[in-house]
PDB file of N, CA and C in Angstrom:
ATOM      1  N   MET A   1     -11.683 -32.065  45.111  1.00  0.00           N
ATOM      2  CA  MET A   1     -12.969 -32.164  45.759  1.00  0.00           C
ATOM      3  C   MET A   1     -13.525 -30.758  46.029  1.00  0.00           C
ATOM      4  N   VAL A   2     -12.680 -29.862  46.516  1.00  0.00           N
ATOM      5  CA  VAL A   2     -13.123 -28.510  46.835  1.00  0.00           C
ATOM      6  C   VAL A   2     -13.624 -27.807  45.581  1.00  0.00           C
ATOM      7  N   VAL A   3     -12.899 -27.958  44.483  1.00  0.00           N
ATOM      8  CA  VAL A   3     -13.280 -27.332  43.213  1.00  0.00           C
ATOM      9  C   VAL A   3     -14.670 -27.786  42.775  1.00  0.00           C
ATOM     10  N   ASN A   4     -15.055 -28.998  43.162  1.00  0.00           N
ATOM     11  CA  ASN A   4     -16.352 -29.549  42.778  1.00  0.00           C
ATOM     12  C   ASN A   4     -17.422 -29.354  43.844  1.00  0.00           C
ATOM     13  N   GLY A   5     -17.183 -28.464  44.805  1.00  0.00           N
ATOM     14  CA  GLY A   5     -18.209 -28.103  45.769  1.00  0.00           C
ATOM     15  C   GLY A   5     -18.248 -28.916  47.048  1.00  0.00           C
ATOM     16  N   PHE A   6     -17.278 -29.784  47.256  1.00  0.00           N
ATOM     17  CA  PHE A   6     -17.238 -30.573  48.484  1.00  0.00           C
ATOM     18  C   PHE A   6     -16.432 -29.834  49.547  1.00  0.00           C
ATOM     19  N   LYS A   7     -16.942 -29.833  50.769  1.00  0.00           N
ATOM     20  CA  LYS A   7     -16.193 -29.285  51.895  1.00  0.00           C
ATOM     21  C   LYS A   7     -15.251 -30.381  52.373  1.00  0.00           C
ATOM     22  N   THR A   8     -13.995 -30.043  52.574  1.00  0.00           N
ATOM     23  CA  THR A   8     -13.019 -31.064  52.948  1.00  0.00           C
ATOM     24  C   THR A   8     -12.358 -30.746  54.281  1.00  0.00           C
ATOM     25  N   GLU A   9     -11.861 -31.790  54.896  1.00  0.00           N
ATOM     26  CA  GLU A   9     -11.070 -31.680  56.122  1.00  0.00           C
ATOM     27  C   GLU A   9      -9.944 -32.695  56.001  1.00  0.00           C
ATOM     28  N   THR A  10      -8.730 -32.265  56.222  1.00  0.00           N
ATOM     29  CA  THR A  10      -7.574 -33.135  56.081  1.00  0.00           C
ATOM     30  C   THR A  10      -7.137 -33.659  57.442  1.00  0.00           C
ATOM     31  N   SER A  11      -6.808 -34.933  57.487  1.00  0.00           N
ATOM     32  CA  SER A  11      -6.296 -35.550  58.713  1.00  0.00           C
ATOM     33  C   SER A  11      -4.921 -36.131  58.435  1.00  0.00           C
ATOM     34  N   GLU A  12      -3.985 -35.843  59.307  1.00  0.00           N
ATOM     35  CA  GLU A  12      -2.642 -36.417  59.208  1.00  0.00           C
ATOM     36  C   GLU A  12      -2.608 -37.686  60.050  1.00  0.00           C
ATOM     37  N   LEU A  13      -2.186 -38.782  59.461  1.00  0.00           N
ATOM     38  CA  LEU A  13      -2.099 -40.053  60.167  1.00  0.00           C
ATOM     39  C   LEU A  13      -0.664 -40.557  60.145  1.00  0.00           C
ATOM     40  N   ALA A  14      -0.284 -41.245  61.191  1.00  0.00           N
ATOM     41  CA  ALA A  14       1.059 -41.826  61.239  1.00  0.00           C
ATOM     42  C   ALA A  14       1.214 -42.908  60.181  1.00  0.00           C
ATOM     43  N   SER A  15       0.115 -43.592  59.878  1.00  0.00           N
ATOM     44  CA  SER A  15       0.148 -44.685  58.908  1.00  0.00           C
ATOM     45  C   SER A  15      -1.164 -44.719  58.133  1.00  0.00           C
ATOM     46  N   LEU A  16      -1.059 -44.809  56.820  1.00  0.00           N
ATOM     47  CA  LEU A  16      -2.274 -44.934  56.008  1.00  0.00           C
ATOM     48  C   LEU A  16      -2.992 -46.247  56.279  1.00  0.00           C
ATOM     49  N   ASP A  17      -2.257 -47.236  56.761  1.00  0.00           N
ATOM     50  CA  ASP A  17      -2.869 -48.531  57.067  1.00  0.00           C
ATOM     51  C   ASP A  17      -4.007 -48.394  58.072  1.00  0.00           C
ATOM     52  N   GLN A  18      -3.911 -47.420  58.975  1.00  0.00           N
ATOM     53  CA  GLN A  18      -4.958 -47.214  59.978  1.00  0.00           C
ATOM     54  C   GLN A  18      -6.315 -46.996  59.318  1.00  0.00           C
ATOM     55  N   ILE A  19      -6.365 -46.094  58.363  1.00  0.00           N
ATOM     56  CA  ILE A  19      -7.649 -45.771  57.732  1.00  0.00           C
ATOM     57  C   ILE A  19      -8.076 -46.869  56.770  1.00  0.00           C
ATOM     58  N   LYS A  20      -7.124 -47.482  56.087  1.00  0.00           N
ATOM     59  CA  LYS A  20      -7.454 -48.571  55.159  1.00  0.00           C
ATOM     60  C   LYS A  20      -8.075 -49.740  55.924  1.00  0.00           C
ATOM     61  N   ASP A  21      -7.501 -50.067  57.077  1.00  0.00           N
ATOM     62  CA  ASP A  21      -8.029 -51.157  57.902  1.00  0.00           C
ATOM     63  C   ASP A  21      -9.375 -50.788  58.518  1.00  0.00           C
ATOM     64  N   LYS A  22      -9.466 -49.586  59.042  1.00  0.00           N
ATOM     65  CA  LYS A  22     -10.703 -49.139  59.701  1.00  0.00           C
ATOM     66  C   LYS A  22     -11.901 -49.240  58.766  1.00  0.00           C
ATOM     67  N   TYR A  23     -11.704 -48.879  57.503  1.00  0.00           N
ATOM     68  CA  TYR A  23     -12.813 -48.854  56.549  1.00  0.00           C
ATOM     69  C   TYR A  23     -12.847 -50.068  55.628  1.00  0.00           C
ATOM     70  N   GLN A  24     -12.102 -51.103  55.943  1.00  0.00           N
ATOM     71  CA  GLN A  24     -12.139 -52.382  55.226  1.00  0.00           C
ATOM     72  C   GLN A  24     -11.897 -52.227  53.724  1.00  0.00           C
ATOM     73  N   ILE A  25     -10.913 -51.430  53.365  1.00  0.00           N
ATOM     74  CA  ILE A  25     -10.581 -51.237  51.956  1.00  0.00           C
ATOM     75  C   ILE A  25      -9.725 -52.417  51.506  1.00  0.00           C
ATOM     76  N   PRO A  26     -10.203 -53.194  50.526  1.00  0.00           N
ATOM     77  CA  PRO A  26      -9.429 -54.355  50.064  1.00  0.00           C
ATOM     78  C   PRO A  26      -8.032 -53.940  49.603  1.00  0.00           C
ATOM     79  N   SER A  27      -7.048 -54.753  49.901  1.00  0.00           N
ATOM     80  CA  SER A  27      -5.658 -54.402  49.590  1.00  0.00           C
ATOM     81  C   SER A  27      -5.450 -54.123  48.105  1.00  0.00           C
ATOM     82  N   GLU A  28      -6.152 -54.853  47.241  1.00  0.00           N
ATOM     83  CA  GLU A  28      -5.967 -54.647  45.800  1.00  0.00           C
ATOM     84  C   GLU A  28      -6.570 -53.333  45.293  1.00  0.00           C
ATOM     85  N   LEU A  29      -7.349 -52.644  46.137  1.00  0.00           N
ATOM     86  CA  LEU A  29      -7.944 -51.365  45.752  1.00  0.00           C
ATOM     87  C   LEU A  29      -7.276 -50.181  46.438  1.00  0.00           C
ATOM     88  N   GLN A  30      -6.403 -50.433  47.367  1.00  0.00           N
ATOM     89  CA  GLN A  30      -5.811 -49.344  48.136  1.00  0.00           C
ATOM     90  C   GLN A  30      -4.978 -48.438  47.246  1.00  0.00           C
ATOM     91  N   ALA A  31      -5.136 -47.140  47.478  1.00  0.00           N
ATOM     92  CA  ALA A  31      -4.451 -46.128  46.683  1.00  0.00           C
ATOM     93  C   ALA A  31      -3.881 -45.072  47.630  1.00  0.00           C
ATOM     94  N   CYS A  32      -3.400 -43.986  47.065  1.00  0.00           N
ATOM     95  CA  CYS A  32      -2.738 -42.963  47.870  1.00  0.00           C
ATOM     96  C   CYS A  32      -3.703 -41.988  48.541  1.00  0.00           C
ATOM     97  N   HIS A  33      -4.942 -41.925  48.098  1.00  0.00           N
ATOM     98  CA  HIS A  33      -5.902 -40.974  48.665  1.00  0.00           C
ATOM     99  C   HIS A  33      -7.125 -41.720  49.178  1.00  0.00           C
ATOM    100  N   THR A  34      -7.575 -41.357  50.373  1.00  0.00           N
ATOM    101  CA  THR A  34      -8.792 -41.926  50.939  1.00  0.00           C
ATOM    102  C   THR A  34      -9.637 -40.783  51.465  1.00  0.00           C
ATOM    103  N   ALA A  35     -10.915 -40.784  51.101  1.00  0.00           N
ATOM    104  CA  ALA A  35     -11.852 -39.781  51.611  1.00  0.00           C
ATOM    105  C   ALA A  35     -13.084 -40.494  52.146  1.00  0.00           C
ATOM    106  N   ILE A  36     -13.710 -39.886  53.126  1.00  0.00           N
ATOM    107  CA  ILE A  36     -14.982 -40.365  53.638  1.00  0.00           C
ATOM    108  C   ILE A  36     -15.999 -39.278  53.315  1.00  0.00           C
ATOM    109  N   VAL A  37     -17.001 -39.638  52.521  1.00  0.00           N
ATOM    110  CA  VAL A  37     -18.019 -38.679  52.089  1.00  0.00           C
ATOM    111  C   VAL A  37     -19.386 -39.245  52.447  1.00  0.00           C
ATOM    112  N   ASN A  38     -20.076 -38.575  53.349  1.00  0.00           N
ATOM    113  CA  ASN A  38     -21.404 -39.023  53.795  1.00  0.00           C
ATOM    114  C   ASN A  38     -21.409 -40.501  54.182  1.00  0.00           C
ATOM    115  N   GLY A  39     -20.346 -40.943  54.830  1.00  0.00           N
ATOM    116  CA  GLY A  39     -20.264 -42.321  55.298  1.00  0.00           C
ATOM    117  C   GLY A  39     -19.704 -43.312  54.299  1.00  0.00           C
ATOM    118  N   TYR A  40     -19.492 -42.904  53.069  1.00  0.00           N
ATOM    119  CA  TYR A  40     -18.915 -43.775  52.040  1.00  0.00           C
ATOM    120  C   TYR A  40     -17.412 -43.523  51.922  1.00  0.00           C
ATOM    121  N   VAL A  41     -16.676 -44.575  51.635  1.00  0.00           N
ATOM    122  CA  VAL A  41     -15.242 -44.464  51.384  1.00  0.00           C
ATOM    123  C   VAL A  41     -15.033 -44.177  49.901  1.00  0.00           C
ATOM    124  N   ILE A  42     -14.192 -43.206  49.620  1.00  0.00           N
ATOM    125  CA  ILE A  42     -13.774 -42.899  48.250  1.00  0.00           C
ATOM    126  C   ILE A  42     -12.271 -43.144  48.233  1.00  0.00           C
ATOM    127  N   GLU A  43     -11.833 -44.128  47.462  1.00  0.00           N
ATOM    128  CA  GLU A  43     -10.428 -44.536  47.470  1.00  0.00           C
ATOM    129  C   GLU A  43      -9.800 -44.306  46.104  1.00  0.00           C
ATOM    130  N   GLY A  44      -8.744 -43.500  46.073  1.00  0.00           N
ATOM    131  CA  GLY A  44      -8.021 -43.277  44.834  1.00  0.00           C
ATOM    132  C   GLY A  44      -8.567 -42.111  44.023  1.00  0.00           C
ATOM    133  N   HIS A  45      -8.223 -42.112  42.749  1.00  0.00           N
ATOM    134  CA  HIS A  45      -8.540 -41.009  41.839  1.00  0.00           C
ATOM    135  C   HIS A  45      -9.901 -41.241  41.172  1.00  0.00           C
ATOM    136  N   VAL A  46     -10.965 -41.103  41.944  1.00  0.00           N
ATOM    137  CA  VAL A  46     -12.333 -41.362  41.482  1.00  0.00           C
ATOM    138  C   VAL A  46     -12.915 -40.090  40.861  1.00  0.00           C
ATOM    139  N   PRO A  47     -13.475 -40.171  39.647  1.00  0.00           N
ATOM    140  CA  PRO A  47     -14.118 -39.001  39.044  1.00  0.00           C
ATOM    141  C   PRO A  47     -15.283 -38.502  39.906  1.00  0.00           C
ATOM    142  N   VAL A  48     -15.424 -37.188  39.984  1.00  0.00           N
ATOM    143  CA  VAL A  48     -16.474 -36.592  40.813  1.00  0.00           C
ATOM    144  C   VAL A  48     -17.864 -37.059  40.384  1.00  0.00           C
ATOM    145  N   GLU A  49     -18.048 -37.345  39.092  1.00  0.00           N
ATOM    146  CA  GLU A  49     -19.353 -37.824  38.617  1.00  0.00           C
ATOM    147  C   GLU A  49     -19.757 -39.114  39.325  1.00  0.00           C
ATOM    148  N   GLU A  50     -18.785 -39.958  39.607  1.00  0.00           N
ATOM    149  CA  GLU A  50     -19.092 -41.231  40.268  1.00  0.00           C
ATOM    150  C   GLU A  50     -19.354 -41.033  41.759  1.00  0.00           C
ATOM    151  N   ILE A  51     -18.703 -40.052  42.366  1.00  0.00           N
ATOM    152  CA  ILE A  51     -19.002 -39.727  43.766  1.00  0.00           C
ATOM    153  C   ILE A  51     -20.426 -39.198  43.873  1.00  0.00           C
ATOM    154  N   GLU A  52     -20.792 -38.300  42.969  1.00  0.00           N
ATOM    155  CA  GLU A  52     -22.154 -37.753  42.970  1.00  0.00           C
ATOM    156  C   GLU A  52     -23.184 -38.848  42.705  1.00  0.00           C
ATOM    157  N   ARG A  53     -22.877 -39.756  41.798  1.00  0.00           N
ATOM    158  CA  ARG A  53     -23.781 -40.883  41.516  1.00  0.00           C
ATOM    159  C   ARG A  53     -23.947 -41.757  42.760  1.00  0.00           C
ATOM    160  N   LEU A  54     -22.843 -42.059  43.431  1.00  0.00           N
ATOM    161  CA  LEU A  54     -22.878 -42.861  44.654  1.00  0.00           C
ATOM    162  C   LEU A  54     -23.783 -42.204  45.695  1.00  0.00           C
ATOM    163  N   LEU A  55     -23.624 -40.909  45.889  1.00  0.00           N
ATOM    164  CA  LEU A  55     -24.420 -40.192  46.884  1.00  0.00           C
ATOM    165  C   LEU A  55     -25.887 -40.123  46.500  1.00  0.00           C
ATOM    166  N   SER A  56     -26.168 -40.124  45.215  1.00  0.00           N
ATOM    167  CA  SER A  56     -27.553 -40.104  44.733  1.00  0.00           C
ATOM    168  C   SER A  56     -28.213 -41.472  44.841  1.00  0.00           C
ATOM    169  N   GLU A  57     -27.500 -42.511  44.427  1.00  0.00           N
ATOM    170  CA  GLU A  57     -28.069 -43.869  44.401  1.00  0.00           C
ATOM    171  C   GLU A  57     -28.063 -44.550  45.770  1.00  0.00           C
ATOM    172  N   LYS A  58     -27.103 -44.191  46.608  1.00  0.00           N
ATOM    173  CA  LYS A  58     -26.977 -44.766  47.959  1.00  0.00           C
ATOM    174  C   LYS A  58     -26.983 -46.303  47.988  1.00  0.00           C
ATOM    175  N   PRO A  59     -26.101 -46.941  47.226  1.00  0.00           N
ATOM    176  CA  PRO A  59     -26.054 -48.411  47.254  1.00  0.00           C
ATOM    177  C   PRO A  59     -25.529 -48.911  48.602  1.00  0.00           C
ATOM    178  N   GLU A  60     -25.809 -50.161  48.907  1.00  0.00           N
ATOM    179  CA  GLU A  60     -25.344 -50.758  50.160  1.00  0.00           C
ATOM    180  C   GLU A  60     -23.928 -51.295  49.973  1.00  0.00           C
ATOM    181  N   VAL A  61     -22.977 -50.385  49.955  1.00  0.00           N
ATOM    182  CA  VAL A  61     -21.563 -50.716  49.798  1.00  0.00           C
ATOM    183  C   VAL A  61     -20.764 -49.899  50.809  1.00  0.00           C
ATOM    184  N   ILE A  62     -19.525 -50.303  51.019  1.00  0.00           N
ATOM    185  CA  ILE A  62     -18.640 -49.498  51.862  1.00  0.00           C
ATOM    186  C   ILE A  62     -18.206 -48.263  51.092  1.00  0.00           C
ATOM    187  N   GLY A  63     -17.901 -48.451  49.797  1.00  0.00           N
ATOM    188  CA  GLY A  63     -17.442 -47.314  49.021  1.00  0.00           C
ATOM    189  C   GLY A  63     -17.101 -47.667  47.595  1.00  0.00           C
ATOM    190  N   ILE A  64     -16.421 -46.710  46.945  1.00  0.00           N
ATOM    191  CA  ILE A  64     -15.984 -46.878  45.563  1.00  0.00           C
ATOM    192  C   ILE A  64     -14.491 -46.575  45.484  1.00  0.00           C
ATOM    193  N   ALA A  65     -13.859 -47.138  44.449  1.00  0.00           N
ATOM    194  CA  ALA A  65     -12.408 -46.988  44.336  1.00  0.00           C
ATOM    195  C   ALA A  65     -11.953 -47.040  42.889  1.00  0.00           C
ATOM    196  N   VAL A  66     -10.821 -46.401  42.647  1.00  0.00           N
ATOM    197  CA  VAL A  66     -10.041 -46.571  41.421  1.00  0.00           C
ATOM    198  C   VAL A  66      -8.676 -47.049  41.890  1.00  0.00           C
ATOM    199  N   ALA A  67      -8.334 -48.271  41.545  1.00  0.00           N
ATOM    200  CA  ALA A  67      -7.058 -48.846  41.977  1.00  0.00           C
ATOM    201  C   ALA A  67      -5.894 -48.207  41.226  1.00  0.00           C
ATOM    202  N   GLY A  68      -4.787 -48.059  41.907  1.00  0.00           N
ATOM    203  CA  GLY A  68      -3.588 -47.515  41.281  1.00  0.00           C
ATOM    204  C   GLY A  68      -3.712 -46.038  40.971  1.00  0.00           C
ATOM    205  N   MET A  69      -2.950 -45.601  40.001  1.00  0.00           N
ATOM    206  CA  MET A  69      -2.945 -44.200  39.592  1.00  0.00           C
ATOM    207  C   MET A  69      -2.978 -44.127  38.066  1.00  0.00           C
ATOM    208  N   PRO A  70      -4.108 -44.528  37.454  1.00  0.00           N
ATOM    209  CA  PRO A  70      -4.149 -44.549  35.987  1.00  0.00           C
ATOM    210  C   PRO A  70      -4.015 -43.153  35.378  1.00  0.00           C
ATOM    211  N   ALA A  71      -3.170 -43.047  34.374  1.00  0.00           N
ATOM    212  CA  ALA A  71      -2.992 -41.778  33.668  1.00  0.00           C
ATOM    213  C   ALA A  71      -4.320 -41.335  33.078  1.00  0.00           C
ATOM    214  N   GLY A  72      -4.648 -40.068  33.291  1.00  0.00           N
ATOM    215  CA  GLY A  72      -5.895 -39.518  32.772  1.00  0.00           C
ATOM    216  C   GLY A  72      -7.022 -39.513  33.781  1.00  0.00           C
ATOM    217  N   SER A  73      -6.887 -40.263  34.871  1.00  0.00           N
ATOM    218  CA  SER A  73      -7.905 -40.197  35.916  1.00  0.00           C
ATOM    219  C   SER A  73      -7.754 -38.851  36.633  1.00  0.00           C
ATOM    220  N   PRO A  74      -8.771 -38.401  37.373  1.00  0.00           N
ATOM    221  CA  PRO A  74      -8.688 -37.089  38.018  1.00  0.00           C
ATOM    222  C   PRO A  74      -7.426 -36.938  38.873  1.00  0.00           C
ATOM    223  N   GLY A  75      -6.694 -35.876  38.601  1.00  0.00           N
ATOM    224  CA  GLY A  75      -5.457 -35.627  39.322  1.00  0.00           C
ATOM    225  C   GLY A  75      -4.249 -36.318  38.723  1.00  0.00           C
ATOM    226  N   MET A  76      -4.470 -37.148  37.725  1.00  0.00           N
ATOM    227  CA  MET A  76      -3.372 -37.884  37.091  1.00  0.00           C
ATOM    228  C   MET A  76      -3.258 -37.552  35.603  1.00  0.00           C
ATOM    229  N   GLU A  77      -3.727 -36.365  35.235  1.00  0.00           N
ATOM    230  CA  GLU A  77      -3.619 -35.942  33.847  1.00  0.00           C
ATOM    231  C   GLU A  77      -2.155 -35.614  33.561  1.00  0.00           C
ATOM    232  N   ILE A  78      -1.605 -36.253  32.541  1.00  0.00           N
ATOM    233  CA  ILE A  78      -0.198 -36.072  32.208  1.00  0.00           C
ATOM    234  C   ILE A  78      -0.111 -35.616  30.758  1.00  0.00           C
ATOM    235  N   GLU A  79       0.364 -34.391  30.560  1.00  0.00           N
ATOM    236  CA  GLU A  79       0.445 -33.816  29.219  1.00  0.00           C
ATOM    237  C   GLU A  79       1.323 -34.676  28.317  1.00  0.00           C
ATOM    238  N   ASP A  80       0.865 -34.887  27.103  1.00  0.00           N
ATOM    239  CA  ASP A  80       1.589 -35.650  26.079  1.00  0.00           C
ATOM    240  C   ASP A  80       1.826 -37.115  26.452  1.00  0.00           C
ATOM    241  N   PHE A  81       1.054 -37.655  27.378  1.00  0.00           N
ATOM    242  CA  PHE A  81       1.222 -39.051  27.763  1.00  0.00           C
ATOM    243  C   PHE A  81       0.057 -39.910  27.302  1.00  0.00           C
ATOM    244  N   GLY A  82      -1.120 -39.333  27.238  1.00  0.00           N
ATOM    245  CA  GLY A  82      -2.305 -40.116  26.898  1.00  0.00           C
ATOM    246  C   GLY A  82      -2.973 -40.641  28.154  1.00  0.00           C
ATOM    247  N   ASN A  83      -4.112 -41.244  27.965  1.00  0.00           N
ATOM    248  CA  ASN A  83      -4.898 -41.754  29.084  1.00  0.00           C
ATOM    249  C   ASN A  83      -4.936 -43.268  29.076  1.00  0.00           C
ATOM    250  N   GLU A  84      -5.094 -43.838  30.255  1.00  0.00           N
ATOM    251  CA  GLU A  84      -5.272 -45.273  30.405  1.00  0.00           C
ATOM    252  C   GLU A  84      -6.733 -45.554  30.734  1.00  0.00           C
ATOM    253  N   ALA A  85      -7.234 -46.663  30.263  1.00  0.00           N
ATOM    254  CA  ALA A  85      -8.574 -47.097  30.664  1.00  0.00           C
ATOM    255  C   ALA A  85      -8.526 -47.463  32.146  1.00  0.00           C
ATOM    256  N   PHE A  86      -9.638 -47.232  32.849  1.00  0.00           N
ATOM    257  CA  PHE A  86      -9.700 -47.624  34.255  1.00  0.00           C
ATOM    258  C   PHE A  86     -11.144 -47.888  34.651  1.00  0.00           C
ATOM    259  N   ASP A  87     -11.294 -48.637  35.732  1.00  0.00           N
ATOM    260  CA  ASP A  87     -12.612 -48.951  36.277  1.00  0.00           C
ATOM    261  C   ASP A  87     -12.796 -48.279  37.625  1.00  0.00           C
ATOM    262  N   VAL A  88     -14.009 -47.787  37.848  1.00  0.00           N
ATOM    263  CA  VAL A  88     -14.448 -47.396  39.184  1.00  0.00           C
ATOM    264  C   VAL A  88     -15.216 -48.603  39.697  1.00  0.00           C
ATOM    265  N   VAL A  89     -14.852 -49.084  40.876  1.00  0.00           N
ATOM    266  CA  VAL A  89     -15.500 -50.273  41.420  1.00  0.00           C
ATOM    267  C   VAL A  89     -16.126 -49.969  42.773  1.00  0.00           C
ATOM    268  N   THR A  90     -17.134 -50.772  43.121  1.00  0.00           N
ATOM    269  CA  THR A  90     -17.693 -50.723  44.470  1.00  0.00           C
ATOM    270  C   THR A  90     -17.085 -51.865  45.266  1.00  0.00           C
ATOM    271  N   PHE A  91     -17.084 -51.721  46.576  1.00  0.00           N
ATOM    272  CA  PHE A  91     -16.685 -52.826  47.452  1.00  0.00           C
ATOM    273  C   PHE A  91     -17.589 -52.802  48.679  1.00  0.00           C
ATOM    274  N   ASP A  92     -17.911 -54.009  49.168  1.00  0.00           N
ATOM    275  CA  ASP A  92     -18.854 -54.098  50.287  1.00  0.00           C
ATOM    276  C   ASP A  92     -18.277 -54.879  51.463  1.00  0.00           C
ATOM    277  N   GLN A  93     -19.094 -55.049  52.484  1.00  0.00           N
ATOM    278  CA  GLN A  93     -18.676 -55.684  53.730  1.00  0.00           C
ATOM    279  C   GLN A  93     -18.317 -57.158  53.566  1.00  0.00           C
ATOM    280  N   THR A  94     -18.831 -57.799  52.529  1.00  0.00           N
ATOM    281  CA  THR A  94     -18.572 -59.228  52.337  1.00  0.00           C
ATOM    282  C   THR A  94     -17.374 -59.493  51.429  1.00  0.00           C
ATOM    283  N   GLY A  95     -16.719 -58.436  50.963  1.00  0.00           N
ATOM    284  CA  GLY A  95     -15.557 -58.602  50.097  1.00  0.00           C
ATOM    285  C   GLY A  95     -15.867 -58.561  48.615  1.00  0.00           C
ATOM    286  N   ASN A  96     -17.136 -58.370  48.264  1.00  0.00           N
ATOM    287  CA  ASN A  96     -17.498 -58.280  46.846  1.00  0.00           C
ATOM    288  C   ASN A  96     -16.959 -56.990  46.241  1.00  0.00           C
ATOM    289  N   ILE A  97     -16.396 -57.118  45.053  1.00  0.00           N
ATOM    290  CA  ILE A  97     -15.917 -55.978  44.278  1.00  0.00           C
ATOM    291  C   ILE A  97     -16.601 -56.057  42.925  1.00  0.00           C
ATOM    292  N   GLU A  98     -17.295 -54.972  42.554  1.00  0.00           N
ATOM    293  CA  GLU A  98     -18.021 -54.952  41.276  1.00  0.00           C
ATOM    294  C   GLU A  98     -17.710 -53.673  40.523  1.00  0.00           C
ATOM    295  N   ILE A  99     -17.681 -53.784  39.197  1.00  0.00           N
ATOM    296  CA  ILE A  99     -17.460 -52.595  38.370  1.00  0.00           C
ATOM    297  C   ILE A  99     -18.683 -51.691  38.469  1.00  0.00           C
ATOM    298  N   TYR A 100     -18.442 -50.443  38.807  1.00  0.00           N
ATOM    299  CA  TYR A 100     -19.486 -49.418  38.906  1.00  0.00           C
ATOM    300  C   TYR A 100     -19.579 -48.659  37.581  1.00  0.00           C
ATOM    301  N   ARG A 101     -18.413 -48.374  37.002  1.00  0.00           N
ATOM    302  CA  ARG A 101     -18.347 -47.768  35.669  1.00  0.00           C
ATOM    303  C   ARG A 101     -16.937 -47.943  35.120  1.00  0.00           C
ATOM    304  N   SER A 102     -16.870 -48.223  33.836  1.00  0.00           N
ATOM    305  CA  SER A 102     -15.583 -48.335  33.148  1.00  0.00           C
ATOM    306  C   SER A 102     -15.335 -47.073  32.339  1.00  0.00           C
ATOM    307  N   TYR A 103     -14.128 -46.586  32.393  1.00  0.00           N
ATOM    308  CA  TYR A 103     -13.723 -45.414  31.623  1.00  0.00           C
ATOM    309  C   TYR A 103     -12.730 -45.858  30.556  1.00  0.00           C
ATOM    310  N   PRO A 104     -13.022 -45.575  29.291  1.00  0.00           N
ATOM    311  CA  PRO A 104     -12.093 -45.952  28.218  1.00  0.00           C
ATOM    312  C   PRO A 104     -10.874 -45.028  28.216  1.00  0.00           C
ATOM    313  N   ALA A 105      -9.855 -45.423  27.504  1.00  0.00           N
ATOM    314  CA  ALA A 105      -8.638 -44.617  27.421  1.00  0.00           C
ATOM    315  C   ALA A 105      -8.906 -43.238  26.828  1.00  0.00           C
ATOM    316  N   GLU A 106      -9.977 -43.090  26.063  1.00  0.00           N
ATOM    317  CA  GLU A 106     -10.288 -41.801  25.434  1.00  0.00           C
ATOM    318  C   GLU A 106     -10.911 -40.816  26.407  1.00  0.00           C
ATOM    319  N   TYR A 107     -11.238 -41.267  27.639  1.00  0.00           N
ATOM    320  CA  TYR A 107     -11.885 -40.411  28.631  1.00  0.00           C
ATOM    321  C   TYR A 107     -11.084 -39.173  28.787  1.00  0.00           C
TER     322      TYR A 107
END
């Protein structure tokens, strides 16, 4: 995030469940990293392009997420392993989850 011009602040929590529950992150989308950017939740290894798009479009959602840790997603680049296809999804207060953008394995 810092490399892409975002100012960050790190918080140590006794349990990640605290932040996941507070921001209503669906269990099937929960990942190892959670960020709050301008009031939106960013969950998992989300490409910066999608964070910038979210901030530009300002949809009525809680946030966006990449479930799991797909190889080739930001921070999960693995030399000589190849990339996995993955989806960036939105999630809202009513439990709706929608694909925001799909990334092919060639990404």
